[in-house]
């Protein structure tokens, strides 16, 4: 079947929101590491948030 192109969404966050998101992603990444699961997707999100 035909697929629609995914729409890109841009979210603007304040510095406090960026800090909270970074901490939440790092905590989630640590949980994945301790469970032995892959973290590639979370790593990409962390990099995007930090830019």
C-alpha atoms as a PDB file:
ATOM      1  CA  UNK A   1       0.000   0.000   0.000  1.00  0.00           C
ATOM      2  CA  UNK A   2       0.938   3.613  -0.237  1.00  0.00           C
ATOM      3  CA  UNK A   3       2.374   5.263   2.817  1.00  0.00           C
ATOM      4  CA  UNK A   4       1.991   8.852   3.806  1.00  0.00           C
ATOM      5  CA  UNK A   5       5.137  10.755   4.608  1.00  0.00           C
ATOM      6  CA  UNK A   6       5.457  11.282   8.322  1.00  0.00           C
ATOM      7  CA  UNK A   7       4.978  14.889   9.299  1.00  0.00           C
ATOM      8  CA  UNK A   8       7.861  16.449  11.147  1.00  0.00           C
ATOM      9  CA  UNK A   9       6.943  18.160  14.362  1.00  0.00           C
ATOM     10  CA  UNK A  10       9.088  20.809  15.998  1.00  0.00           C
ATOM     11  CA  UNK A  11       8.677  21.407  19.706  1.00  0.00           C
ATOM     12  CA  UNK A  12      10.106  24.455  21.417  1.00  0.00           C
ATOM     13  CA  UNK A  13      11.002  23.902  25.058  1.00  0.00           C
ATOM     14  CA  UNK A  14      12.118  26.195  27.826  1.00  0.00           C
ATOM     15  CA  UNK A  15      15.442  25.530  29.539  1.00  0.00           C
ATOM     16  CA  UNK A  16      13.669  23.916  32.494  1.00  0.00           C
ATOM     17  CA  UNK A  17      11.671  21.643  30.189  1.00  0.00           C
ATOM     18  CA  UNK A  18      14.850  20.635  28.340  1.00  0.00           C
ATOM     19  CA  UNK A  19      16.512  19.786  31.652  1.00  0.00           C
ATOM     20  CA  UNK A  20      13.548  17.665  32.766  1.00  0.00           C
ATOM     21  CA  UNK A  21      13.374  15.851  29.439  1.00  0.00           C
ATOM     22  CA  UNK A  22      17.117  15.161  29.467  1.00  0.00           C
ATOM     23  CA  UNK A  23      16.979  13.781  33.006  1.00  0.00           C
ATOM     24  CA  UNK A  24      13.952  11.610  32.166  1.00  0.00           C
ATOM     25  CA  UNK A  25      15.626  10.233  29.035  1.00  0.00           C
ATOM     26  CA  UNK A  26      18.855   9.506  30.902  1.00  0.00           C
ATOM     27  CA  UNK A  27      16.922   7.708  33.650  1.00  0.00           C
ATOM     28  CA  UNK A  28      15.023   5.677  31.056  1.00  0.00           C
ATOM     29  CA  UNK A  29      18.292   4.879  29.245  1.00  0.00           C
ATOM     30  CA  UNK A  30      19.832   3.645  32.500  1.00  0.00           C
ATOM     31  CA  UNK A  31      16.822   1.364  33.088  1.00  0.00           C
ATOM     32  CA  UNK A  32      17.200  -0.067  29.586  1.00  0.00           C
ATOM     33  CA  UNK A  33      20.917  -0.657  30.146  1.00  0.00           C
ATOM     34  CA  UNK A  34      20.308  -2.461  33.420  1.00  0.00           C
ATOM     35  CA  UNK A  35      17.706  -4.657  31.713  1.00  0.00           C
ATOM     36  CA  UNK A  36      20.129  -5.439  28.880  1.00  0.00           C
ATOM     37  CA  UNK A  37      17.931  -3.857  26.214  1.00  0.00           C
ATOM     38  CA  UNK A  38      19.113  -1.713  23.259  1.00  0.00           C
ATOM     39  CA  UNK A  39      19.420   2.041  23.799  1.00  0.00           C
ATOM     40  CA  UNK A  40      20.105   3.357  20.285  1.00  0.00           C
ATOM     41  CA  UNK A  41      16.769   5.157  19.894  1.00  0.00           C
ATOM     42  CA  UNK A  42      16.972   6.785  23.316  1.00  0.00           C
ATOM     43  CA  UNK A  43      20.559   7.855  22.628  1.00  0.00           C
ATOM     44  CA  UNK A  44      19.432   9.631  19.449  1.00  0.00           C
ATOM     45  CA  UNK A  45      16.697  11.471  21.363  1.00  0.00           C
ATOM     46  CA  UNK A  46      19.135  12.543  24.073  1.00  0.00           C
ATOM     47  CA  UNK A  47      21.472  13.972  21.435  1.00  0.00           C
ATOM     48  CA  UNK A  48      18.598  15.857  19.763  1.00  0.00           C
ATOM     49  CA  UNK A  49      17.444  17.325  23.078  1.00  0.00           C
ATOM     50  CA  UNK A  50      20.948  18.462  23.986  1.00  0.00           C
ATOM     51  CA  UNK A  51      21.429  20.369  20.694  1.00  0.00           C
END
